[in-house]
């Protein structure tokens, strides 16, 4: 299940799942899919360096999705708001 909100020309999709493992897997799958689409747009526009960088991220997301490389073990917590 996904919650979608739009602000101006930005669309934000938040994926909602019942357990953390499923959530992580589906989030990575979503990222992989979006990067594939962005890669095609960058390639169509002739943005070679951007295409290359997006392609590297696309390949990394595919490796994460397939379990060929581990997720980072260190996750940053959100910083405390200043008073």
Protein backbone atom coordinates (compact mmCIF):
# COMPACT_ATOMS: atom_id res chain seq x y z
CA UNK A 1 0.00 0.00 0.00
CA UNK A 2 1.27 3.49 -0.78
CA UNK A 3 0.30 6.97 0.33
CA UNK A 4 0.85 9.64 -2.32
CA UNK A 5 1.02 13.39 -1.82
CA UNK A 6 1.83 16.09 -4.33
CA UNK A 7 3.43 19.46 -3.68
CA UNK A 8 3.92 21.65 -6.73
CA UNK A 9 5.77 19.56 -9.29
CA UNK A 10 7.02 17.03 -6.69
CA UNK A 11 5.27 13.76 -5.95
CA UNK A 12 6.06 11.99 -2.68
CA UNK A 13 5.21 8.31 -2.30
CA UNK A 14 5.36 6.68 1.11
CA UNK A 15 5.16 2.91 1.09
CA UNK A 16 3.25 1.36 3.98
CA UNK A 17 3.89 -2.26 5.03
CA UNK A 18 3.19 -4.55 7.91
CA UNK A 19 6.77 -5.55 8.74
CA UNK A 20 10.20 -3.94 8.40
CA UNK A 21 11.77 -6.61 6.15
CA UNK A 22 8.93 -6.43 3.66
CA UNK A 23 8.98 -2.64 3.83
CA UNK A 24 12.70 -2.48 3.10
CA UNK A 25 12.45 -4.93 0.17
CA UNK A 26 9.53 -3.08 -1.41
CA UNK A 27 11.16 0.32 -0.87
CA UNK A 28 14.33 -0.90 -2.62
CA UNK A 29 12.19 -2.33 -5.46
CA UNK A 30 10.44 1.04 -5.78
CA UNK A 31 13.76 2.91 -5.84
CA UNK A 32 15.08 0.49 -8.48
CA UNK A 33 12.02 1.07 -10.65
CA UNK A 34 12.16 4.87 -10.35
CA UNK A 35 15.89 4.92 -11.13
CA UNK A 36 15.21 2.88 -14.28
CA UNK A 37 12.71 5.49 -15.42
CA UNK A 38 15.02 8.39 -14.54
CA UNK A 39 17.85 6.72 -16.43
CA UNK A 40 15.73 6.63 -19.59
CA UNK A 41 14.82 10.31 -19.24
CA UNK A 42 18.46 11.32 -18.70
CA UNK A 43 19.56 9.19 -21.65
CA UNK A 44 16.86 10.67 -23.90
CA UNK A 45 17.99 14.17 -22.95
CA UNK A 46 21.62 13.36 -23.76
CA UNK A 47 22.81 13.90 -20.18
CA UNK A 48 25.64 11.37 -20.33
CA UNK A 49 27.15 11.94 -16.87
CA UNK A 50 23.74 11.99 -15.21
CA UNK A 51 22.78 8.81 -17.08
CA UNK A 52 25.97 7.15 -15.84
CA UNK A 53 25.43 8.18 -12.20
CA UNK A 54 21.78 7.11 -12.23
CA UNK A 55 22.82 3.83 -13.85
CA UNK A 56 25.31 3.18 -11.03
CA UNK A 57 22.55 3.78 -8.46
CA UNK A 58 20.18 1.58 -10.50
CA UNK A 59 22.71 -1.28 -10.48
CA UNK A 60 23.29 -0.86 -6.73
CA UNK A 61 19.54 -0.95 -6.04
CA UNK A 62 19.27 -4.09 -8.18
CA UNK A 63 22.07 -5.75 -6.21
CA UNK A 64 20.39 -4.81 -2.92
CA UNK A 65 17.05 -6.09 -4.17
CA UNK A 66 18.57 -9.40 -5.27
CA UNK A 67 20.53 -9.79 -2.03
CA UNK A 68 23.91 -9.66 -3.82
CA UNK A 69 25.16 -7.00 -1.40
CA UNK A 70 24.10 -6.18 2.16
CA UNK A 71 22.30 -3.07 3.32
CA UNK A 72 24.31 -0.65 5.39
CA UNK A 73 24.39 -1.73 9.04
CA UNK A 74 24.73 1.85 10.29
CA UNK A 75 21.56 3.88 10.10
CA UNK A 76 21.56 7.50 11.10
CA UNK A 77 18.80 8.51 13.48
CA UNK A 78 16.96 11.74 12.87
CA UNK A 79 18.63 14.63 14.65
CA UNK A 80 16.86 16.10 17.64
CA UNK A 81 15.18 19.43 16.83
CA UNK A 82 16.89 22.43 18.41
CA UNK A 83 14.97 24.34 21.03
